[in-house]
């Protein structure tokens, strides 16, 4: 069979949120690129399906019409807040926005990744500056010269030549390991599982996502994220070192919790699981890593940018795509694709994200003290001012910094 050869200045490997964002931000700037993915879309991605306010804001930065299309999509359920269940089972509902205010807009959504990733991919397919190749797994890499890299599939039937490659091919990216030296470290990695259900009772009428911080999964949580048509994304995530230390079987533990826990058992009594429980890995951004080198950059999960506390990765993936596009343009303009030049991308990534990632790591560590989390929730259920403060902390970075200070907990305890 004849080899198919693609030539482009920029090749993006992986068409998830990070890869599509890179391609779309490049196209927005008038720069052509090739976008390659091993799958054919639509394809599923195992995930919690939550689209945070950060994700929505990034879509708006890319193109306001994308945010509007998301809001109008039947597949996306508006989520106006979060429901926290503390280790002592105290429940706290925290609205992020008062939906009854004039012109109020949902801060977030829950949408299946099968739909959302295809939504982004369709935007790429429709853009004349983005060439898309599906069903192509580029696994071989060779740096031919200072301004040329060659990528091939396993059998050498497809070959790509480019000046610069952006690898946005997920948590198991071969290039992140081989070129970036990024390997899974259990303390900076989360094991997760997910299944879809219908008929779960007691879902919040305003689409609040539910985070159950129960002792079975600390540091981590069990979740119920409502979806349209009475469905829900149900799953659990736990840091991998603790999974190993406690010898936890996540699938077994989650199904036992649903079947035996007095509160959850009633809510799932008439529920029906729609698919198998599926596992996935989340490389956390709880430590800095090198995310570029000669003629390449890493983006999204391949760069290990997932929030350590919430497990949310889509917003950071979209943000890394914007920065990868900016630095790809800079490299083309300077005709410089060296590791030394592209180190500016690393700096840009951590200037944008590290403050939040570091704080989220601190909050993750607080889950080692479940009594403290329970104490805050107990107080907040009876204190409107504290509830509003927590709401601000979840949406406002500067206010959220208070969670790192011992004085905050003293005020909660005695104030």
Protein backbone atom coordinates (compact mmCIF):
# COMPACT_ATOMS: atom_id res chain seq x y z
CA UNK A 1 0.00 0.00 0.00
CA UNK A 2 1.26 3.46 -0.87
CA UNK A 3 2.40 5.70 1.97
CA UNK A 4 0.18 8.73 2.56
CA UNK A 5 2.35 11.79 3.14
CA UNK A 6 1.18 14.92 4.89
CA UNK A 7 3.27 18.07 4.98
CA UNK A 8 2.41 20.98 7.22
CA UNK A 9 4.27 23.45 9.38
CA UNK A 10 2.47 22.29 12.52
CA UNK A 11 1.19 18.81 13.32
CA UNK A 12 -1.11 18.33 16.32
CA UNK A 13 -1.39 14.76 17.57
CA UNK A 14 -4.61 14.13 19.49
CA UNK A 15 -7.98 15.79 18.89
CA UNK A 16 -9.35 16.03 22.41
CA UNK A 17 -10.00 19.44 24.01
CA UNK A 18 -6.28 20.39 24.09
CA UNK A 19 -5.58 19.38 20.49
CA UNK A 20 -8.76 20.94 19.09
CA UNK A 21 -8.13 24.14 21.06
CA UNK A 22 -4.59 24.35 19.69
CA UNK A 23 -5.86 23.92 16.14
CA UNK A 24 -8.73 26.39 16.54
CA UNK A 25 -6.59 29.07 18.21
CA UNK A 26 -4.03 28.68 15.41
CA UNK A 27 -6.75 28.97 12.78
CA UNK A 28 -8.13 32.02 14.55
CA UNK A 29 -4.69 33.60 14.08
CA UNK A 30 -4.62 32.59 10.41
CA UNK A 31 -2.13 29.71 10.81
CA UNK A 32 -2.80 26.39 9.07
CA UNK A 33 -2.16 23.05 10.79
CA UNK A 34 -2.71 19.30 10.57
CA UNK A 35 -4.81 17.66 13.32
CA UNK A 36 -4.41 13.89 13.66
CA UNK A 37 -6.19 11.42 15.95
CA UNK A 38 -5.99 7.65 16.25
CA UNK A 39 -9.78 7.39 16.67
CA UNK A 40 -12.64 8.20 14.37
CA UNK A 41 -15.14 10.64 15.84
CA UNK A 42 -17.47 10.60 17.62
CA UNK A 43 -15.58 8.54 20.18
CA UNK A 44 -15.99 8.26 23.93
CA UNK A 45 -13.54 9.53 26.54
CA UNK A 46 -13.95 8.19 30.06
CA UNK A 47 -14.41 11.25 32.26
CA UNK A 48 -16.66 12.86 34.85
CA UNK A 49 -18.16 15.01 32.05
CA UNK A 50 -18.09 18.23 34.08
CA UNK A 51 -17.44 21.49 32.25
CA UNK A 52 -16.37 24.03 34.86
CA UNK A 53 -16.67 27.78 34.70
CA UNK A 54 -13.02 27.81 33.61
CA UNK A 55 -13.87 25.53 30.67
CA UNK A 56 -16.79 27.74 29.66
CA UNK A 57 -14.63 30.86 29.93
CA UNK A 58 -11.98 29.27 27.68
CA UNK A 59 -14.61 28.42 25.07
CA UNK A 60 -15.73 32.04 25.20
CA UNK A 61 -12.11 33.18 24.68
CA UNK A 62 -11.88 30.94 21.65
CA UNK A 63 -15.18 32.10 20.16
CA UNK A 64 -18.28 33.44 21.95
CA UNK A 65 -20.47 31.49 19.55
CA UNK A 66 -19.01 28.23 20.92
CA UNK A 67 -20.20 29.13 24.41
CA UNK A 68 -23.61 30.00 22.97
CA UNK A 69 -23.76 26.70 21.07
CA UNK A 70 -22.90 24.81 24.27
CA UNK A 71 -25.65 26.61 26.15
CA UNK A 72 -28.18 25.72 23.46
CA UNK A 73 -27.16 22.07 23.09
CA UNK A 74 -29.68 19.46 24.33
CA UNK A 75 -26.74 17.25 25.36
CA UNK A 76 -25.44 19.80 27.90
CA UNK A 77 -27.16 20.26 31.27
CA UNK A 78 -26.63 23.64 32.99
CA UNK A 79 -25.05 23.28 36.43
CA UNK A 80 -25.55 26.18 38.82
CA UNK A 81 -23.56 24.89 41.79
CA UNK A 82 -22.21 21.96 43.77
CA UNK A 83 -23.44 19.71 46.54
CA UNK A 84 -20.75 18.64 49.01
CA UNK A 85 -21.17 15.65 51.28
CA UNK A 86 -18.65 15.70 54.13
CA UNK A 87 -17.09 12.57 55.66
CA UNK A 88 -19.66 12.83 58.49
CA UNK A 89 -22.45 12.84 55.82
CA UNK A 90 -23.43 16.44 56.40
CA UNK A 91 -24.72 17.90 53.11
CA UNK A 92 -23.88 21.40 51.89
CA UNK A 93 -25.39 22.92 48.73
CA UNK A 94 -23.30 25.75 47.31
CA UNK A 95 -24.79 27.74 44.41
CA UNK A 96 -22.13 29.44 42.29
CA UNK A 97 -24.64 31.84 40.76
CA UNK A 98 -28.16 32.83 41.78
CA UNK A 99 -30.04 31.57 38.74
CA UNK A 100 -33.04 33.77 39.59
CA UNK A 101 -31.10 36.99 39.06
CA UNK A 102 -31.85 38.88 35.83
CA UNK A 103 -29.66 37.70 32.93
CA UNK A 104 -28.03 35.00 35.09
CA UNK A 105 -26.04 32.47 33.06
CA UNK A 106 -25.01 28.97 34.17
CA UNK A 107 -21.40 28.95 35.38
CA UNK A 108 -20.89 25.38 34.19
CA UNK A 109 -22.40 22.39 32.41
CA UNK A 110 -22.35 18.61 32.43
CA UNK A 111 -22.08 17.08 28.95
CA UNK A 112 -20.93 13.60 27.85
CA UNK A 113 -17.45 13.62 26.40
CA UNK A 114 -18.77 11.56 23.49
CA UNK A 115 -20.75 14.67 22.54
CA UNK A 116 -18.41 17.45 23.72
CA UNK A 117 -15.23 16.20 22.06
CA UNK A 118 -17.13 15.65 18.81
CA UNK A 119 -18.57 19.16 19.16
CA UNK A 120 -15.01 20.57 19.15
CA UNK A 121 -13.86 18.21 16.43
CA UNK A 122 -16.68 19.35 14.15
CA UNK A 123 -15.50 22.95 14.55
CA UNK A 124 -12.06 21.83 13.38
CA UNK A 125 -13.40 19.86 10.43
CA UNK A 126 -15.35 22.87 9.24
CA UNK A 127 -12.40 25.26 9.31
CA UNK A 128 -10.51 25.63 6.00
CA UNK A 129 -7.14 26.13 7.75
CA UNK A 130 -7.36 22.84 9.68
CA UNK A 131 -6.63 19.59 7.88
CA UNK A 132 -8.00 16.63 9.84
CA UNK A 133 -6.83 13.02 9.65
CA UNK A 134 -8.79 10.47 11.69
CA UNK A 135 -7.99 6.83 12.39
CA UNK A 136 -4.24 7.50 12.26
CA UNK A 137 -2.04 6.56 15.23
CA UNK A 138 1.29 8.38 14.89
CA UNK A 139 3.66 6.50 17.18
CA UNK A 140 7.09 6.87 15.52
CA UNK A 141 9.04 10.11 15.84
CA UNK A 142 12.26 11.28 14.23
CA UNK A 143 13.90 14.70 14.33
CA UNK A 144 15.28 14.99 10.81
CA UNK A 145 16.75 18.48 11.11
CA UNK A 146 16.44 21.70 13.08
CA UNK A 147 13.21 22.52 11.22
CA UNK A 148 11.81 19.09 10.36
CA UNK A 149 10.34 16.21 12.31
CA UNK A 150 8.93 13.05 10.78
CA UNK A 151 6.07 11.14 12.37
CA UNK A 152 4.76 7.75 11.20
CA UNK A 153 2.19 5.18 12.13
CA UNK A 154 3.32 1.73 13.30
CA UNK A 155 3.37 0.21 9.80
CA UNK A 156 4.83 3.23 8.06
CA UNK A 157 1.74 3.63 5.89
CA UNK A 158 1.15 7.23 6.98
CA UNK A 159 3.96 9.75 7.25
CA UNK A 160 3.88 13.36 8.41
CA UNK A 161 6.59 15.98 8.04
CA UNK A 162 6.32 19.15 10.09
CA UNK A 163 8.45 21.85 11.65
CA UNK A 164 6.76 21.50 15.02
CA UNK A 165 4.61 18.86 16.71
CA UNK A 166 2.11 19.43 19.51
CA UNK A 167 1.32 16.23 21.39
CA UNK A 168 -2.11 16.44 22.95
CA UNK A 169 -2.70 12.71 22.93
CA UNK A 170 -3.77 12.16 26.51
CA UNK A 171 -2.67 10.60 29.76
CA UNK A 172 -0.93 7.68 28.05
CA UNK A 173 1.00 9.72 25.49
CA UNK A 174 4.04 7.78 24.33
CA UNK A 175 5.77 11.03 23.41
CA UNK A 176 5.22 12.50 26.88
CA UNK A 177 7.18 9.54 28.21
CA UNK A 178 9.82 9.16 25.50
CA UNK A 179 10.46 12.83 24.74
CA UNK A 180 9.22 14.65 27.83
CA UNK A 181 10.41 12.14 30.40
CA UNK A 182 6.99 12.22 32.10
CA UNK A 183 6.08 8.99 33.84
CA UNK A 184 3.13 8.11 36.04
CA UNK A 185 3.94 8.80 39.69
CA UNK A 186 1.32 7.37 42.02
CA UNK A 187 1.37 10.38 44.33
CA UNK A 188 0.66 12.62 41.34
CA UNK A 189 -1.87 10.37 39.64
CA UNK A 190 -5.52 9.48 40.26
CA UNK A 191 -7.27 6.25 39.39
CA UNK A 192 -10.87 6.85 38.36
CA UNK A 193 -13.92 4.84 37.34
CA UNK A 194 -17.18 5.91 35.68
CA UNK A 195 -20.56 4.51 34.68
CA UNK A 196 -23.76 6.03 33.33
CA UNK A 197 -27.06 5.52 35.18
CA UNK A 198 -30.66 6.51 34.66
CA UNK A 199 -33.27 6.93 37.36
CA UNK A 200 -31.04 8.09 40.22
CA UNK A 201 -33.32 9.84 42.72
CA UNK A 202 -32.71 13.10 44.57
CA UNK A 203 -30.74 14.97 41.90
CA UNK A 204 -30.62 18.71 42.55
CA UNK A 205 -33.19 20.67 40.50
CA UNK A 206 -30.52 23.24 39.57
CA UNK A 207 -28.14 20.61 38.21
CA UNK A 208 -25.68 20.79 41.09
CA UNK A 209 -22.83 18.35 40.73
CA UNK A 210 -22.41 16.11 43.79
CA UNK A 211 -19.04 15.46 45.44
CA UNK A 212 -19.16 12.90 48.25
CA UNK A 213 -15.97 13.02 50.32
CA UNK A 214 -16.41 9.66 52.01
CA UNK A 215 -13.75 7.80 53.96
CA UNK A 216 -13.73 4.96 51.40
CA UNK A 217 -12.19 7.23 48.76
CA UNK A 218 -10.07 9.84 50.59
CA UNK A 219 -8.05 11.58 49.27
CA UNK A 220 -10.62 11.60 46.49
CA UNK A 221 -14.37 11.40 46.20
CA UNK A 222 -17.45 9.61 44.90
CA UNK A 223 -19.47 11.70 42.47
CA UNK A 224 -22.89 11.98 40.90
CA UNK A 225 -23.07 14.45 37.99
CA UNK A 226 -26.56 14.96 36.54
CA UNK A 227 -27.08 14.80 32.78
CA UNK A 228 -30.06 15.57 30.55
CA UNK A 229 -33.01 13.16 30.33
CA UNK A 230 -32.70 11.89 33.88
CA UNK A 231 -29.30 10.31 33.39
CA UNK A 232 -26.23 10.73 35.58
CA UNK A 233 -22.48 10.22 35.37
CA UNK A 234 -21.55 8.25 38.49
CA UNK A 235 -17.98 7.52 39.48
CA UNK A 236 -15.16 7.64 41.97
CA UNK A 237 -11.56 8.78 41.96
CA UNK A 238 -8.75 8.25 44.43
CA UNK A 239 -5.06 9.10 44.39
CA UNK A 240 -3.16 6.10 43.09
CA UNK A 241 -0.65 5.83 45.93
CA UNK A 242 -3.54 5.53 48.41
CA UNK A 243 -5.31 2.99 46.20
CA UNK A 244 -2.17 0.87 46.42
CA UNK A 245 -1.57 1.51 50.12
CA UNK A 246 -5.14 0.70 51.15
CA UNK A 247 -5.49 -2.07 48.53
CA UNK A 248 -8.72 -0.56 47.26
CA UNK A 249 -10.68 -2.12 44.41
CA UNK A 250 -12.39 1.03 43.15
CA UNK A 251 -15.04 -0.74 41.10
CA UNK A 252 -15.98 -3.09 43.92
CA UNK A 253 -15.95 -0.30 46.50
CA UNK A 254 -18.18 1.96 44.41
CA UNK A 255 -20.75 -0.72 43.63
CA UNK A 256 -20.82 -1.82 47.29
CA UNK A 257 -21.31 1.79 48.38
CA UNK A 258 -24.25 2.20 46.01
CA UNK A 259 -25.80 -1.11 47.11
CA UNK A 260 -25.22 -0.92 50.87
CA UNK A 261 -24.96 2.69 52.00
CA UNK A 262 -28.28 3.65 53.68
CA UNK A 263 -28.57 7.01 51.89
CA UNK A 264 -27.29 6.03 48.47
CA UNK A 265 -29.09 2.69 48.42
CA UNK A 266 -32.45 4.45 48.46
CA UNK A 267 -31.41 6.87 45.73
CA UNK A 268 -30.26 4.03 43.46
CA UNK A 269 -33.09 1.61 44.34
CA UNK A 270 -34.85 2.13 41.01
CA UNK A 271 -31.82 3.24 39.03
CA UNK A 272 -30.45 1.29 36.08
CA UNK A 273 -26.81 1.20 35.03
CA UNK A 274 -26.55 1.88 31.31
CA UNK A 275 -23.02 0.61 30.64
CA UNK A 276 -20.07 -1.12 32.21
CA UNK A 277 -17.97 0.51 34.91
CA UNK A 278 -14.90 1.79 33.06
CA UNK A 279 -11.56 2.92 34.45
CA UNK A 280 -9.28 5.79 33.51
CA UNK A 281 -6.19 7.60 34.77
CA UNK A 282 -5.71 11.27 35.60
CA UNK A 283 -2.15 12.67 35.58
CA UNK A 284 -2.26 15.48 38.13
CA UNK A 285 -0.62 18.89 37.84
CA UNK A 286 0.62 18.69 41.42
CA UNK A 287 4.26 19.03 40.39
CA UNK A 288 6.01 20.97 37.65
CA UNK A 289 7.25 19.06 34.64
CA UNK A 290 9.03 19.91 31.41
CA UNK A 291 6.39 20.21 28.69
CA UNK A 292 8.49 20.98 25.61
CA UNK A 293 11.72 20.15 23.81
CA UNK A 294 13.31 20.34 20.38
CA UNK A 295 10.46 20.69 17.85
CA UNK A 296 7.67 19.63 20.22
CA UNK A 297 5.28 20.77 22.94
CA UNK A 298 2.94 18.80 25.20
CA UNK A 299 -0.61 19.95 25.96
CA UNK A 300 -3.58 18.83 28.05
CA UNK A 301 -3.36 15.51 29.88
CA UNK A 302 -0.13 14.70 28.01
CA UNK A 303 1.40 17.60 29.96
CA UNK A 304 -0.15 16.39 33.26
CA UNK A 305 -2.26 19.47 33.98
CA UNK A 306 -5.31 18.03 35.79
CA UNK A 307 -6.50 19.86 38.92
CA UNK A 308 -5.34 17.83 41.97
CA UNK A 309 -8.39 18.67 44.12
CA UNK A 310 -11.32 18.57 41.69
CA UNK A 311 -9.89 16.21 39.07
CA UNK A 312 -11.09 18.62 36.36
CA UNK A 313 -8.86 18.75 33.30
CA UNK A 314 -10.85 20.20 30.40
CA UNK A 315 -10.36 23.86 31.32
CA UNK A 316 -6.60 23.48 31.71
CA UNK A 317 -6.46 21.46 28.48
CA UNK A 318 -8.18 24.28 26.60
CA UNK A 319 -5.87 26.85 28.22
CA UNK A 320 -2.77 24.83 27.29
CA UNK A 321 -4.08 24.66 23.71
CA UNK A 322 -4.26 28.44 23.57
CA UNK A 323 -0.69 28.77 24.86
CA UNK A 324 0.60 26.01 22.53
CA UNK A 325 -0.92 27.91 19.59
CA UNK A 326 0.71 31.16 20.71
CA UNK A 327 4.14 29.55 21.03
CA UNK A 328 3.78 27.69 17.76
CA UNK A 329 3.21 31.06 16.08
CA UNK A 330 6.24 32.52 17.88
CA UNK A 331 8.40 29.60 16.73
CA UNK A 332 7.25 29.97 13.12
CA UNK A 333 7.93 33.71 13.16
CA UNK A 334 11.40 33.24 14.70
CA UNK A 335 12.08 30.07 12.67
CA UNK A 336 13.34 28.65 15.92
CA UNK A 337 12.09 25.27 17.14
CA UNK A 338 14.79 24.52 19.68
CA UNK A 339 14.20 23.37 23.24
CA UNK A 340 15.74 26.58 24.51
CA UNK A 341 13.25 28.71 22.58
CA UNK A 342 10.21 26.57 23.37
CA UNK A 343 11.07 26.68 27.06
CA UNK A 344 9.06 29.89 26.95
CA UNK A 345 5.98 27.68 26.53
CA UNK A 346 6.76 25.92 29.82
CA UNK A 347 7.06 29.30 31.52
CA UNK A 348 3.77 30.47 30.01
CA UNK A 349 1.96 27.29 31.10
CA UNK A 350 3.02 27.60 34.73
CA UNK A 351 2.57 31.37 34.83
CA UNK A 352 -1.05 30.73 33.81
CA UNK A 353 -1.81 27.59 35.83
CA UNK A 354 0.68 26.92 38.63
CA UNK A 355 -0.86 29.18 41.29
CA UNK A 356 -4.16 27.33 40.98
CA UNK A 357 -2.55 23.89 40.71
CA UNK A 358 -0.39 24.45 43.78
CA UNK A 359 -3.38 25.63 45.82
CA UNK A 360 -5.44 22.64 44.69
CA UNK A 361 -2.64 20.35 45.85
CA UNK A 362 -2.90 21.99 49.29
CA UNK A 363 -6.65 21.38 49.33
CA UNK A 364 -6.09 17.78 48.29
CA UNK A 365 -3.74 17.36 51.25
CA UNK A 366 -6.44 18.72 53.57
CA UNK A 367 -8.53 15.67 52.73
CA UNK A 368 -6.11 13.74 54.93
CA UNK A 369 -7.93 15.48 57.81
CA UNK A 370 -11.59 14.51 57.23
CA UNK A 371 -12.65 15.94 60.60
CA UNK A 372 -11.57 19.38 59.39
CA UNK A 373 -13.63 19.12 56.21
CA UNK A 374 -16.63 17.94 58.22
CA UNK A 375 -16.24 20.82 60.66
CA UNK A 376 -16.31 23.43 57.89
CA UNK A 377 -19.38 21.86 56.27
CA UNK A 378 -21.21 21.63 59.61
CA UNK A 379 -20.64 25.30 60.29
CA UNK A 380 -21.53 26.34 56.75
CA UNK A 381 -24.94 24.64 56.83
CA UNK A 382 -25.99 27.03 59.60
CA UNK A 383 -24.13 30.13 58.45
CA UNK A 384 -25.18 31.95 55.27
CA UNK A 385 -22.08 34.16 55.26
CA UNK A 386 -19.81 31.13 55.42
CA UNK A 387 -21.75 29.44 52.58
CA UNK A 388 -21.29 32.52 50.44
CA UNK A 389 -17.60 32.58 51.33
CA UNK A 390 -17.19 28.95 50.27
CA UNK A 391 -19.02 29.68 47.02
CA UNK A 392 -16.60 32.53 46.34
CA UNK A 393 -13.65 30.32 47.22
CA UNK A 394 -14.66 27.80 44.59
CA UNK A 395 -14.93 30.42 41.87
CA UNK A 396 -12.53 33.18 42.92
CA UNK A 397 -8.82 32.39 43.09
CA UNK A 398 -7.89 35.20 45.48
CA UNK A 399 -10.63 34.35 47.97
CA UNK A 400 -9.75 30.65 47.69
CA UNK A 401 -6.30 31.41 49.04
CA UNK A 402 -7.94 31.77 52.47
CA UNK A 403 -8.35 28.00 52.62
CA UNK A 404 -4.57 27.70 53.05
CA UNK A 405 -4.54 29.84 56.21
CA UNK A 406 -5.00 28.33 59.68
CA UNK A 407 -6.74 31.57 60.71
CA UNK A 408 -9.65 30.68 58.40
CA UNK A 409 -10.35 27.50 60.37
CA UNK A 410 -10.01 29.29 63.68
CA UNK A 411 -12.64 31.77 62.52
CA UNK A 412 -14.89 28.91 61.41
CA UNK A 413 -14.43 27.17 64.75
CA UNK A 414 -14.87 30.17 67.04
CA UNK A 415 -16.29 32.98 64.88
